[in-house]
Amino acid sequence: MDIENMCLESAADNRDNPDSLYETCVCCHKRLKIPRNQEIEFRSFYIEGAGQLCYDCYQELYRKNSVQTQ
């Protein structure tokens, strides 16, 4: 799975769903246990300009990028 391309091609945006109380991962669309009204300063795996990621997608993206830059 090419998670970077999957994230870039993602069209779904949880902000468009006013009924959702929780965030979803911007890559895999997994529902997260992070309330939508929680301040971003207190979130883990939030990427400013991109949105909320789950742990797995965050690790996949950053592990891949850290290997490429070394």
N, C-alpha and C. Protein backbone atom coordinates (compact mmCIF):
# COMPACT_ATOMS: atom_id res chain seq x y z
N MET A 1 0.85 -1.18 0.00
CA MET A 1 0.00 0.00 0.00
C MET A 1 0.89 1.23 0.00
N ASP A 2 0.62 2.17 -0.87
CA ASP A 2 1.36 3.43 -0.92
C ASP A 2 0.57 4.47 -0.14
N ILE A 3 0.84 4.54 1.15
CA ILE A 3 0.03 5.39 2.03
C ILE A 3 0.16 6.86 1.71
N GLU A 4 1.32 7.28 1.21
CA GLU A 4 1.48 8.69 0.88
C GLU A 4 0.55 9.10 -0.25
N ASN A 5 0.46 8.30 -1.30
CA ASN A 5 -0.46 8.60 -2.40
C ASN A 5 -1.91 8.48 -1.95
N MET A 6 -2.20 7.52 -1.08
CA MET A 6 -3.56 7.37 -0.59
C MET A 6 -3.98 8.63 0.16
N CYS A 7 -3.08 9.20 0.94
CA CYS A 7 -3.40 10.42 1.67
C CYS A 7 -3.60 11.58 0.72
N LEU A 8 -2.76 11.68 -0.29
CA LEU A 8 -2.87 12.78 -1.24
C LEU A 8 -4.14 12.71 -2.05
N GLU A 9 -4.60 11.51 -2.34
CA GLU A 9 -5.79 11.33 -3.16
C GLU A 9 -7.07 11.34 -2.35
N SER A 10 -6.95 11.40 -1.04
CA SER A 10 -8.11 11.35 -0.17
C SER A 10 -9.03 12.54 -0.41
N ALA A 11 -10.28 12.25 -0.70
CA ALA A 11 -11.24 13.32 -0.96
C ALA A 11 -12.14 13.57 0.25
N ALA A 12 -12.25 12.58 1.11
CA ALA A 12 -13.15 12.72 2.26
C ALA A 12 -12.54 13.66 3.29
N ASP A 13 -13.37 14.52 3.83
CA ASP A 13 -12.93 15.48 4.83
C ASP A 13 -13.94 15.44 5.96
N ASN A 14 -13.50 15.03 7.12
CA ASN A 14 -14.39 14.88 8.26
C ASN A 14 -15.06 16.19 8.65
N ARG A 15 -14.46 17.32 8.31
CA ARG A 15 -15.06 18.61 8.66
C ARG A 15 -16.38 18.83 7.94
N ASP A 16 -16.60 18.11 6.85
CA ASP A 16 -17.85 18.24 6.10
C ASP A 16 -18.99 17.43 6.70
N ASN A 17 -18.71 16.64 7.73
CA ASN A 17 -19.72 15.81 8.36
C ASN A 17 -20.07 16.40 9.73
N PRO A 18 -21.06 17.26 9.81
CA PRO A 18 -21.38 17.92 11.08
C PRO A 18 -21.92 16.98 12.14
N ASP A 19 -22.35 15.77 11.77
CA ASP A 19 -22.89 14.82 12.73
C ASP A 19 -21.81 14.05 13.49
N SER A 20 -20.59 14.10 13.00
CA SER A 20 -19.52 13.34 13.62
C SER A 20 -18.97 14.08 14.84
N LEU A 21 -18.90 13.39 15.97
CA LEU A 21 -18.34 13.98 17.18
C LEU A 21 -16.84 13.75 17.29
N TYR A 22 -16.32 12.79 16.50
CA TYR A 22 -14.93 12.42 16.59
C TYR A 22 -14.22 12.60 15.25
N GLU A 23 -12.92 12.79 15.33
CA GLU A 23 -12.10 12.95 14.14
C GLU A 23 -11.93 11.61 13.43
N THR A 24 -11.60 11.68 12.16
CA THR A 24 -11.19 10.50 11.41
C THR A 24 -9.83 10.79 10.80
N CYS A 25 -9.07 9.75 10.54
CA CYS A 25 -7.75 9.89 9.94
C CYS A 25 -7.92 10.39 8.50
N VAL A 26 -7.14 11.41 8.14
CA VAL A 26 -7.26 11.96 6.79
C VAL A 26 -6.73 11.01 5.72
N CYS A 27 -5.99 9.98 6.13
CA CYS A 27 -5.48 9.01 5.15
C CYS A 27 -6.38 7.78 5.02
N CYS A 28 -6.57 7.08 6.12
CA CYS A 28 -7.29 5.80 6.03
C CYS A 28 -8.76 5.92 6.43
N HIS A 29 -9.17 7.08 6.93
CA HIS A 29 -10.55 7.37 7.30
C HIS A 29 -11.06 6.55 8.49
N LYS A 30 -10.12 6.03 9.28
CA LYS A 30 -10.49 5.32 10.51
C LYS A 30 -11.01 6.33 11.53
N ARG A 31 -12.12 5.99 12.19
CA ARG A 31 -12.65 6.87 13.24
C ARG A 31 -11.71 6.81 14.44
N LEU A 32 -11.39 7.97 14.97
CA LEU A 32 -10.46 8.07 16.08
C LEU A 32 -11.19 8.46 17.36
N LYS A 33 -10.54 8.28 18.48
CA LYS A 33 -11.15 8.63 19.78
C LYS A 33 -10.76 10.06 20.17
N ILE A 34 -10.65 10.92 19.20
CA ILE A 34 -10.28 12.32 19.42
C ILE A 34 -11.50 13.17 19.13
N PRO A 35 -12.02 13.85 20.14
CA PRO A 35 -13.18 14.71 19.90
C PRO A 35 -12.84 15.82 18.91
N ARG A 36 -13.76 16.12 18.03
CA ARG A 36 -13.53 17.16 17.03
C ARG A 36 -13.28 18.53 17.65
N ASN A 37 -13.82 18.76 18.84
CA ASN A 37 -13.65 20.07 19.46
C ASN A 37 -12.39 20.17 20.33
N GLN A 38 -11.56 19.13 20.35
CA GLN A 38 -10.31 19.18 21.11
C GLN A 38 -9.31 20.08 20.38
N GLU A 39 -8.66 20.96 21.14
CA GLU A 39 -7.68 21.87 20.57
C GLU A 39 -6.53 21.09 19.94
N ILE A 40 -6.03 21.55 18.80
CA ILE A 40 -4.97 20.82 18.09
C ILE A 40 -3.66 20.79 18.88
N GLU A 41 -3.44 21.74 19.76
CA GLU A 41 -2.22 21.75 20.56
C GLU A 41 -2.13 20.53 21.48
N PHE A 42 -3.28 19.93 21.79
CA PHE A 42 -3.33 18.81 22.72
C PHE A 42 -3.52 17.47 22.01
N ARG A 43 -3.39 17.44 20.70
CA ARG A 43 -3.58 16.20 19.94
C ARG A 43 -2.24 15.58 19.57
N SER A 44 -2.25 14.28 19.50
CA SER A 44 -1.10 13.56 18.96
C SER A 44 -1.37 13.29 17.49
N PHE A 45 -0.33 13.31 16.69
CA PHE A 45 -0.38 12.94 15.27
C PHE A 45 -1.20 13.90 14.42
N TYR A 46 -1.33 15.14 14.85
CA TYR A 46 -2.01 16.16 14.05
C TYR A 46 -0.95 16.88 13.22
N ILE A 47 -1.19 16.99 11.92
CA ILE A 47 -0.26 17.67 11.02
C ILE A 47 -0.95 18.94 10.53
N GLU A 48 -0.40 20.08 10.91
CA GLU A 48 -0.99 21.35 10.51
C GLU A 48 -0.93 21.48 8.99
N GLY A 49 -2.05 21.84 8.42
CA GLY A 49 -2.15 21.97 6.97
C GLY A 49 -2.63 20.69 6.30
N ALA A 50 -2.57 19.57 7.02
CA ALA A 50 -3.02 18.29 6.48
C ALA A 50 -4.23 17.77 7.25
N GLY A 51 -4.09 17.71 8.57
CA GLY A 51 -5.19 17.24 9.41
C GLY A 51 -4.75 16.16 10.36
N GLN A 52 -5.72 15.45 10.87
CA GLN A 52 -5.50 14.43 11.89
C GLN A 52 -5.15 13.10 11.25
N LEU A 53 -4.10 12.47 11.75
CA LEU A 53 -3.70 11.14 11.32
C LEU A 53 -3.88 10.16 12.47
N CYS A 54 -4.07 8.90 12.15
CA CYS A 54 -4.05 7.86 13.17
C CYS A 54 -2.59 7.49 13.42
N TYR A 55 -2.34 6.73 14.46
CA TYR A 55 -0.98 6.33 14.81
C TYR A 55 -0.31 5.60 13.67
N ASP A 56 -1.01 4.63 13.06
CA ASP A 56 -0.41 3.81 12.01
C ASP A 56 -0.02 4.64 10.79
N CYS A 57 -0.89 5.52 10.34
CA CYS A 57 -0.58 6.35 9.17
C CYS A 57 0.55 7.33 9.48
N TYR A 58 0.54 7.90 10.67
CA TYR A 58 1.62 8.81 11.08
C TYR A 58 2.95 8.09 11.06
N GLN A 59 2.99 6.90 11.65
CA GLN A 59 4.24 6.13 11.67
C GLN A 59 4.69 5.76 10.27
N GLU A 60 3.76 5.35 9.43
CA GLU A 60 4.10 4.96 8.06
C GLU A 60 4.67 6.14 7.28
N LEU A 61 4.05 7.28 7.38
CA LEU A 61 4.52 8.46 6.65
C LEU A 61 5.86 8.95 7.17
N TYR A 62 6.02 9.03 8.47
CA TYR A 62 7.24 9.58 9.02
C TYR A 62 8.39 8.59 9.05
N ARG A 63 8.10 7.31 9.19
CA ARG A 63 9.16 6.30 9.09
C ARG A 63 9.72 6.30 7.67
N LYS A 64 8.83 6.37 6.69
CA LYS A 64 9.24 6.39 5.29
C LYS A 64 10.08 7.63 4.99
N ASN A 65 9.63 8.79 5.46
CA ASN A 65 10.35 10.03 5.21
C ASN A 65 11.68 10.08 5.94
N SER A 66 11.77 9.54 7.15
CA SER A 66 13.03 9.59 7.89
C SER A 66 14.05 8.65 7.28
N VAL A 67 13.62 7.54 6.68
CA VAL A 67 14.54 6.63 6.01
C VAL A 67 15.07 7.27 4.73
N GLN A 68 14.24 7.99 4.00
CA GLN A 68 14.65 8.62 2.75
C GLN A 68 15.63 9.76 2.98
N THR A 69 15.56 10.45 4.11
CA THR A 69 16.42 11.60 4.34
C THR A 69 17.76 11.23 4.96
N GLN A 70 17.93 9.98 5.37
CA GLN A 70 19.20 9.58 5.99
C GLN A 70 20.19 9.09 4.97
